[in-house]
């Protein structure tokens, strides 16, 4: 058992840097949106998925079918 949270800190580091570089979140909705996107990106990354390809595919499917395909787990999680 590790007695530090270094892994957790490394996991969220890129999101924190992105938030700081973009002049922080300016609204609650912006903060919520960033939290959801970072959760999606980190989960895909941890599953060794190609993040860009997965997101592009899901958006393409949504635009053509009006259904979310491949990211259902995230939709249920944040509803």
PDB file of N, CA and C in Angstrom:
ATOM      1  N   UNK A   1       0.840  -1.172   0.000  1.00  0.00           N
ATOM      2  CA  UNK A   1       0.000   0.000   0.000  1.00  0.00           C
ATOM      3  C   UNK A   1       0.886   1.237   0.000  1.00  0.00           C
ATOM      4  N   UNK A   2       0.589   2.155  -0.936  1.00  0.00           N
ATOM      5  CA  UNK A   2       1.359   3.387  -1.009  1.00  0.00           C
ATOM      6  C   UNK A   2       0.798   4.422  -0.043  1.00  0.00           C
ATOM      7  N   UNK A   3       1.679   5.166   0.572  1.00  0.00           N
ATOM      8  CA  UNK A   3       1.256   6.179   1.530  1.00  0.00           C
ATOM      9  C   UNK A   3       1.360   7.587   0.957  1.00  0.00           C
ATOM     10  N   UNK A   4       1.144   7.705  -0.312  1.00  0.00           N
ATOM     11  CA  UNK A   4       1.184   8.997  -0.976  1.00  0.00           C
ATOM     12  C   UNK A   4       0.184   8.969  -2.116  1.00  0.00           C
ATOM     13  N   UNK A   5      -0.146  10.097  -2.645  1.00  0.00           N
ATOM     14  CA  UNK A   5      -1.105  10.168  -3.731  1.00  0.00           C
ATOM     15  C   UNK A   5      -0.439  10.654  -5.010  1.00  0.00           C
ATOM     16  N   UNK A   6       0.823  10.343  -5.179  1.00  0.00           N
ATOM     17  CA  UNK A   6       1.580  10.802  -6.334  1.00  0.00           C
ATOM     18  C   UNK A   6       0.937  10.353  -7.649  1.00  0.00           C
ATOM     19  N   UNK A   7       0.444   9.129  -7.706  1.00  0.00           N
ATOM     20  CA  UNK A   7      -0.211   8.640  -8.929  1.00  0.00           C
ATOM     21  C   UNK A   7      -1.445   9.486  -9.244  1.00  0.00           C
ATOM     22  N   UNK A   8      -2.247   9.769  -8.235  1.00  0.00           N
ATOM     23  CA  UNK A   8      -3.447  10.588  -8.438  1.00  0.00           C
ATOM     24  C   UNK A   8      -3.065  11.993  -8.887  1.00  0.00           C
ATOM     25  N   UNK A   9      -2.037  12.551  -8.300  1.00  0.00           N
ATOM     26  CA  UNK A   9      -1.595  13.890  -8.694  1.00  0.00           C
ATOM     27  C   UNK A   9      -1.100  13.906 -10.127  1.00  0.00           C
ATOM     28  N   UNK A  10      -0.351  12.895 -10.528  1.00  0.00           N
ATOM     29  CA  UNK A  10       0.123  12.821 -11.916  1.00  0.00           C
ATOM     30  C   UNK A  10      -1.041  12.653 -12.874  1.00  0.00           C
ATOM     31  N   UNK A  11      -2.085  11.953 -12.448  1.00  0.00           N
ATOM     32  CA  UNK A  11      -3.238  11.713 -13.305  1.00  0.00           C
ATOM     33  C   UNK A  11      -3.968  13.007 -13.637  1.00  0.00           C
ATOM     34  N   UNK A  12      -4.107  13.901 -12.682  1.00  0.00           N
ATOM     35  CA  UNK A  12      -4.863  15.132 -12.930  1.00  0.00           C
ATOM     36  C   UNK A  12      -3.983  16.315 -13.314  1.00  0.00           C
ATOM     37  N   UNK A  13      -2.676  16.119 -13.337  1.00  0.00           N
ATOM     38  CA  UNK A  13      -1.753  17.225 -13.597  1.00  0.00           C
ATOM     39  C   UNK A  13      -2.068  17.943 -14.907  1.00  0.00           C
ATOM     40  N   UNK A  14      -2.284  17.218 -16.000  1.00  0.00           N
ATOM     41  CA  UNK A  14      -2.520  17.868 -17.290  1.00  0.00           C
ATOM     42  C   UNK A  14      -3.799  18.702 -17.272  1.00  0.00           C
ATOM     43  N   UNK A  15      -4.827  18.233 -16.581  1.00  0.00           N
ATOM     44  CA  UNK A  15      -6.076  18.997 -16.487  1.00  0.00           C
ATOM     45  C   UNK A  15      -5.870  20.281 -15.687  1.00  0.00           C
ATOM     46  N   UNK A  16      -5.081  20.205 -14.638  1.00  0.00           N
ATOM     47  CA  UNK A  16      -4.815  21.389 -13.810  1.00  0.00           C
ATOM     48  C   UNK A  16      -4.014  22.413 -14.613  1.00  0.00           C
ATOM     49  N   UNK A  17      -3.011  21.959 -15.336  1.00  0.00           N
ATOM     50  CA  UNK A  17      -2.206  22.869 -16.153  1.00  0.00           C
ATOM     51  C   UNK A  17      -3.084  23.514 -17.225  1.00  0.00           C
ATOM     52  N   UNK A  18      -3.949  22.721 -17.872  1.00  0.00           N
ATOM     53  CA  UNK A  18      -4.837  23.256 -18.898  1.00  0.00           C
ATOM     54  C   UNK A  18      -5.762  24.322 -18.308  1.00  0.00           C
ATOM     55  N   UNK A  19      -6.307  24.048 -17.132  1.00  0.00           N
ATOM     56  CA  UNK A  19      -7.206  25.003 -16.484  1.00  0.00           C
ATOM     57  C   UNK A  19      -6.474  26.307 -16.170  1.00  0.00           C
ATOM     58  N   UNK A  20      -5.256  26.199 -15.643  1.00  0.00           N
ATOM     59  CA  UNK A  20      -4.496  27.400 -15.294  1.00  0.00           C
ATOM     60  C   UNK A  20      -4.104  28.188 -16.538  1.00  0.00           C
ATOM     61  N   UNK A  21      -3.692  27.507 -17.596  1.00  0.00           N
ATOM     62  CA  UNK A  21      -3.277  28.179 -18.822  1.00  0.00           C
ATOM     63  C   UNK A  21      -4.437  28.859 -19.534  1.00  0.00           C
ATOM     64  N   UNK A  22      -5.645  28.384 -19.307  1.00  0.00           N
ATOM     65  CA  UNK A  22      -6.810  28.979 -19.972  1.00  0.00           C
ATOM     66  C   UNK A  22      -7.499  29.999 -19.069  1.00  0.00           C
ATOM     67  N   UNK A  23      -6.766  30.522 -18.103  1.00  0.00           N
ATOM     68  CA  UNK A  23      -7.277  31.551 -17.190  1.00  0.00           C
ATOM     69  C   UNK A  23      -8.388  31.014 -16.289  1.00  0.00           C
ATOM     70  N   UNK A  24      -8.276  29.787 -15.900  1.00  0.00           N
ATOM     71  CA  UNK A  24      -9.214  29.111 -14.986  1.00  0.00           C
ATOM     72  C   UNK A  24     -10.625  29.016 -15.575  1.00  0.00           C
ATOM     73  N   UNK A  25     -11.477  28.347 -14.866  1.00  0.00           N
ATOM     74  CA  UNK A  25     -12.866  28.229 -15.298  1.00  0.00           C
ATOM     75  C   UNK A  25     -13.600  29.492 -14.880  1.00  0.00           C
ATOM     76  N   UNK A  26     -14.345  30.048 -15.804  1.00  0.00           N
ATOM     77  CA  UNK A  26     -15.021  31.318 -15.531  1.00  0.00           C
ATOM     78  C   UNK A  26     -16.450  31.131 -15.056  1.00  0.00           C
ATOM     79  N   UNK A  27     -16.945  29.904 -15.082  1.00  0.00           N
ATOM     80  CA  UNK A  27     -18.312  29.668 -14.628  1.00  0.00           C
ATOM     81  C   UNK A  27     -18.430  28.249 -14.088  1.00  0.00           C
ATOM     82  N   UNK A  28     -19.508  28.008 -13.364  1.00  0.00           N
ATOM     83  CA  UNK A  28     -19.766  26.663 -12.859  1.00  0.00           C
ATOM     84  C   UNK A  28     -19.970  25.696 -14.014  1.00  0.00           C
ATOM     85  N   UNK A  29     -20.705  26.126 -15.044  1.00  0.00           N
ATOM     86  CA  UNK A  29     -20.932  25.255 -16.200  1.00  0.00           C
ATOM     87  C   UNK A  29     -19.627  24.921 -16.908  1.00  0.00           C
ATOM     88  N   UNK A  30     -18.723  25.905 -16.998  1.00  0.00           N
ATOM     89  CA  UNK A  30     -17.418  25.658 -17.604  1.00  0.00           C
ATOM     90  C   UNK A  30     -16.609  24.653 -16.803  1.00  0.00           C
ATOM     91  N   UNK A  31     -16.652  24.781 -15.484  1.00  0.00           N
ATOM     92  CA  UNK A  31     -15.934  23.840 -14.617  1.00  0.00           C
ATOM     93  C   UNK A  31     -16.518  22.434 -14.744  1.00  0.00           C
ATOM     94  N   UNK A  32     -17.839  22.346 -14.808  1.00  0.00           N
ATOM     95  CA  UNK A  32     -18.500  21.043 -14.948  1.00  0.00           C
ATOM     96  C   UNK A  32     -18.143  20.406 -16.295  1.00  0.00           C
ATOM     97  N   UNK A  33     -18.156  21.210 -17.355  1.00  0.00           N
ATOM     98  CA  UNK A  33     -17.805  20.706 -18.681  1.00  0.00           C
ATOM     99  C   UNK A  33     -16.373  20.200 -18.707  1.00  0.00           C
ATOM    100  N   UNK A  34     -15.457  20.959 -18.111  1.00  0.00           N
ATOM    101  CA  UNK A  34     -14.062  20.523 -18.086  1.00  0.00           C
ATOM    102  C   UNK A  34     -13.909  19.232 -17.290  1.00  0.00           C
ATOM    103  N   UNK A  35     -14.606  19.120 -16.181  1.00  0.00           N
ATOM    104  CA  UNK A  35     -14.516  17.908 -15.361  1.00  0.00           C
ATOM    105  C   UNK A  35     -14.994  16.688 -16.146  1.00  0.00           C
ATOM    106  N   UNK A  36     -16.084  16.843 -16.877  1.00  0.00           N
ATOM    107  CA  UNK A  36     -16.615  15.728 -17.667  1.00  0.00           C
ATOM    108  C   UNK A  36     -15.640  15.349 -18.769  1.00  0.00           C
ATOM    109  N   UNK A  37     -15.141  16.344 -19.507  1.00  0.00           N
ATOM    110  CA  UNK A  37     -14.205  16.049 -20.597  1.00  0.00           C
ATOM    111  C   UNK A  37     -12.927  15.407 -20.086  1.00  0.00           C
ATOM    112  N   UNK A  38     -12.394  15.906 -18.982  1.00  0.00           N
ATOM    113  CA  UNK A  38     -11.170  15.319 -18.434  1.00  0.00           C
ATOM    114  C   UNK A  38     -11.413  13.885 -17.966  1.00  0.00           C
ATOM    115  N   UNK A  39     -12.595  13.619 -17.421  1.00  0.00           N
ATOM    116  CA  UNK A  39     -12.937  12.255 -17.011  1.00  0.00           C
ATOM    117  C   UNK A  39     -12.988  11.323 -18.218  1.00  0.00           C
ATOM    118  N   UNK A  40     -13.615  11.791 -19.287  1.00  0.00           N
ATOM    119  CA  UNK A  40     -13.702  10.990 -20.517  1.00  0.00           C
ATOM    120  C   UNK A  40     -12.300  10.732 -21.066  1.00  0.00           C
ATOM    121  N   UNK A  41     -11.491  11.796 -21.189  1.00  0.00           N
ATOM    122  CA  UNK A  41     -10.148  11.644 -21.751  1.00  0.00           C
ATOM    123  C   UNK A  41      -9.276  10.721 -20.908  1.00  0.00           C
ATOM    124  N   UNK A  42      -9.305  10.898 -19.592  1.00  0.00           N
ATOM    125  CA  UNK A  42      -8.474  10.067 -18.716  1.00  0.00           C
ATOM    126  C   UNK A  42      -8.921   8.606 -18.750  1.00  0.00           C
ATOM    127  N   UNK A  43     -10.225   8.362 -18.770  1.00  0.00           N
ATOM    128  CA  UNK A  43     -10.716   6.986 -18.817  1.00  0.00           C
ATOM    129  C   UNK A  43     -10.286   6.302 -20.109  1.00  0.00           C
ATOM    130  N   UNK A  44     -10.436   6.998 -21.237  1.00  0.00           N
ATOM    131  CA  UNK A  44     -10.009   6.425 -22.514  1.00  0.00           C
ATOM    132  C   UNK A  44      -8.507   6.154 -22.509  1.00  0.00           C
ATOM    133  N   UNK A  45      -7.758   7.084 -21.954  1.00  0.00           N
ATOM    134  CA  UNK A  45      -6.304   6.927 -21.874  1.00  0.00           C
ATOM    135  C   UNK A  45      -5.925   5.714 -21.023  1.00  0.00           C
ATOM    136  N   UNK A  46      -6.599   5.548 -19.877  1.00  0.00           N
ATOM    137  CA  UNK A  46      -6.311   4.412 -18.998  1.00  0.00           C
ATOM    138  C   UNK A  46      -6.700   3.086 -19.632  1.00  0.00           C
ATOM    139  N   UNK A  47      -7.653   3.123 -20.557  1.00  0.00           N
ATOM    140  CA  UNK A  47      -8.062   1.903 -21.271  1.00  0.00           C
ATOM    141  C   UNK A  47      -7.208   1.667 -22.510  1.00  0.00           C
ATOM    142  N   UNK A  48      -6.165   2.474 -22.681  1.00  0.00           N
ATOM    143  CA  UNK A  48      -5.264   2.386 -23.828  1.00  0.00           C
ATOM    144  C   UNK A  48      -5.987   2.567 -25.154  1.00  0.00           C
ATOM    145  N   UNK A  49      -7.037   3.372 -25.136  1.00  0.00           N
ATOM    146  CA  UNK A  49      -7.769   3.672 -26.364  1.00  0.00           C
ATOM    147  C   UNK A  49      -7.118   4.868 -27.042  1.00  0.00           C
ATOM    148  N   UNK A  50      -7.284   4.950 -28.346  1.00  0.00           N
ATOM    149  CA  UNK A  50      -6.840   6.125 -29.081  1.00  0.00           C
ATOM    150  C   UNK A  50      -7.881   7.209 -28.815  1.00  0.00           C
ATOM    151  N   UNK A  51      -7.537   8.172 -27.964  1.00  0.00           N
ATOM    152  CA  UNK A  51      -8.500   9.168 -27.484  1.00  0.00           C
ATOM    153  C   UNK A  51      -9.087   9.966 -28.647  1.00  0.00           C
ATOM    154  N   UNK A  52      -8.235  10.508 -29.491  1.00  0.00           N
ATOM    155  CA  UNK A  52      -8.709  11.335 -30.603  1.00  0.00           C
ATOM    156  C   UNK A  52      -9.606  10.536 -31.534  1.00  0.00           C
ATOM    157  N   UNK A  53      -9.165   9.358 -31.904  1.00  0.00           N
ATOM    158  CA  UNK A  53      -9.943   8.523 -32.828  1.00  0.00           C
ATOM    159  C   UNK A  53     -11.299   8.152 -32.214  1.00  0.00           C
ATOM    160  N   UNK A  54     -11.325   7.827 -30.937  1.00  0.00           N
ATOM    161  CA  UNK A  54     -12.572   7.459 -30.264  1.00  0.00           C
ATOM    162  C   UNK A  54     -13.545   8.629 -30.212  1.00  0.00           C
ATOM    163  N   UNK A  55     -13.053   9.813 -29.862  1.00  0.00           N
ATOM    164  CA  UNK A  55     -13.910  11.002 -29.781  1.00  0.00           C
ATOM    165  C   UNK A  55     -14.429  11.374 -31.169  1.00  0.00           C
ATOM    166  N   UNK A  56     -13.541  11.373 -32.162  1.00  0.00           N
ATOM    167  CA  UNK A  56     -13.968  11.707 -33.531  1.00  0.00           C
ATOM    168  C   UNK A  56     -15.017  10.713 -34.014  1.00  0.00           C
ATOM    169  N   UNK A  57     -14.803   9.436 -33.765  1.00  0.00           N
ATOM    170  CA  UNK A  57     -15.772   8.414 -34.177  1.00  0.00           C
ATOM    171  C   UNK A  57     -17.119   8.630 -33.486  1.00  0.00           C
ATOM    172  N   UNK A  58     -17.100   8.908 -32.187  1.00  0.00           N
ATOM    173  CA  UNK A  58     -18.342   9.118 -31.447  1.00  0.00           C
ATOM    174  C   UNK A  58     -19.082  10.354 -31.964  1.00  0.00           C
ATOM    175  N   UNK A  59     -18.350  11.431 -32.248  1.00  0.00           N
ATOM    176  CA  UNK A  59     -18.988  12.637 -32.782  1.00  0.00           C
ATOM    177  C   UNK A  59     -19.560  12.400 -34.172  1.00  0.00           C
ATOM    178  N   UNK A  60     -18.813  11.686 -35.007  1.00  0.00           N
ATOM    179  CA  UNK A  60     -19.303  11.362 -36.352  1.00  0.00           C
ATOM    180  C   UNK A  60     -20.581  10.529 -36.269  1.00  0.00           C
ATOM    181  N   UNK A  61     -20.571   9.524 -35.398  1.00  0.00           N
ATOM    182  CA  UNK A  61     -21.759   8.691 -35.228  1.00  0.00           C
ATOM    183  C   UNK A  61     -22.940   9.519 -34.732  1.00  0.00           C
ATOM    184  N   UNK A  62     -22.697  10.430 -33.815  1.00  0.00           N
ATOM    185  CA  UNK A  62     -23.770  11.270 -33.290  1.00  0.00           C
ATOM    186  C   UNK A  62     -24.349  12.165 -34.381  1.00  0.00           C
ATOM    187  N   UNK A  63     -23.469  12.746 -35.192  1.00  0.00           N
ATOM    188  CA  UNK A  63     -23.946  13.635 -36.254  1.00  0.00           C
ATOM    189  C   UNK A  63     -24.754  12.902 -37.316  1.00  0.00           C
ATOM    190  N   UNK A  64     -24.448  11.615 -37.537  1.00  0.00           N
ATOM    191  CA  UNK A  64     -25.169  10.873 -38.572  1.00  0.00           C
ATOM    192  C   UNK A  64     -26.385  10.122 -38.029  1.00  0.00           C
ATOM    193  N   UNK A  65     -26.342   9.703 -36.762  1.00  0.00           N
ATOM    194  CA  UNK A  65     -27.445   8.886 -36.236  1.00  0.00           C
ATOM    195  C   UNK A  65     -28.200   9.554 -35.091  1.00  0.00           C
ATOM    196  N   UNK A  66     -27.664  10.652 -34.575  1.00  0.00           N
ATOM    197  CA  UNK A  66     -28.234  11.344 -33.401  1.00  0.00           C
ATOM    198  C   UNK A  66     -28.224  10.454 -32.151  1.00  0.00           C
ATOM    199  N   UNK A  67     -27.325   9.470 -32.147  1.00  0.00           N
ATOM    200  CA  UNK A  67     -27.150   8.599 -30.981  1.00  0.00           C
ATOM    201  C   UNK A  67     -25.674   8.593 -30.608  1.00  0.00           C
ATOM    202  N   UNK A  68     -25.416   8.504 -29.311  1.00  0.00           N
ATOM    203  CA  UNK A  68     -24.040   8.393 -28.839  1.00  0.00           C
ATOM    204  C   UNK A  68     -23.646   6.924 -28.909  1.00  0.00           C
ATOM    205  N   UNK A  69     -22.620   6.619 -29.689  1.00  0.00           N
ATOM    206  CA  UNK A  69     -22.153   5.245 -29.846  1.00  0.00           C
ATOM    207  C   UNK A  69     -20.718   5.175 -29.349  1.00  0.00           C
ATOM    208  N   UNK A  70     -20.450   4.279 -28.434  1.00  0.00           N
ATOM    209  CA  UNK A  70     -19.093   4.082 -27.949  1.00  0.00           C
ATOM    210  C   UNK A  70     -18.762   4.825 -26.673  1.00  0.00           C
ATOM    211  N   UNK A  71     -19.590   5.775 -26.292  1.00  0.00           N
ATOM    212  CA  UNK A  71     -19.322   6.535 -25.074  1.00  0.00           C
ATOM    213  C   UNK A  71     -20.510   6.460 -24.118  1.00  0.00           C
ATOM    214  N   UNK A  72     -21.320   5.426 -24.240  1.00  0.00           N
ATOM    215  CA  UNK A  72     -22.530   5.306 -23.428  1.00  0.00           C
ATOM    216  C   UNK A  72     -22.236   5.337 -21.936  1.00  0.00           C
ATOM    217  N   UNK A  73     -21.129   4.749 -21.542  1.00  0.00           N
ATOM    218  CA  UNK A  73     -20.789   4.689 -20.121  1.00  0.00           C
ATOM    219  C   UNK A  73     -20.667   6.094 -19.534  1.00  0.00           C
ATOM    220  N   UNK A  74     -20.173   7.045 -20.315  1.00  0.00           N
ATOM    221  CA  UNK A  74     -20.005   8.401 -19.828  1.00  0.00           C
ATOM    222  C   UNK A  74     -21.338   9.127 -19.751  1.00  0.00           C
ATOM    223  N   UNK A  75     -22.227   8.858 -20.693  1.00  0.00           N
ATOM    224  CA  UNK A  75     -23.525   9.516 -20.687  1.00  0.00           C
ATOM    225  C   UNK A  75     -24.298   9.107 -19.424  1.00  0.00           C
ATOM    226  N   UNK A  76     -24.309   7.830 -19.121  1.00  0.00           N
ATOM    227  CA  UNK A  76     -25.012   7.351 -17.914  1.00  0.00           C
ATOM    228  C   UNK A  76     -24.377   7.932 -16.664  1.00  0.00           C
ATOM    229  N   UNK A  77     -23.064   8.046 -16.646  1.00  0.00           N
ATOM    230  CA  UNK A  77     -22.355   8.507 -15.462  1.00  0.00           C
ATOM    231  C   UNK A  77     -22.701   9.948 -15.111  1.00  0.00           C
ATOM    232  N   UNK A  78     -22.905  10.812 -16.114  1.00  0.00           N
ATOM    233  CA  UNK A  78     -23.087  12.233 -15.851  1.00  0.00           C
ATOM    234  C   UNK A  78     -24.509  12.723 -16.019  1.00  0.00           C
ATOM    235  N   UNK A  79     -25.468  11.854 -16.200  1.00  0.00           N
ATOM    236  CA  UNK A  79     -26.860  12.279 -16.305  1.00  0.00           C
ATOM    237  C   UNK A  79     -27.421  12.606 -14.958  1.00  0.00           C
TER     238      UNK A  79
END
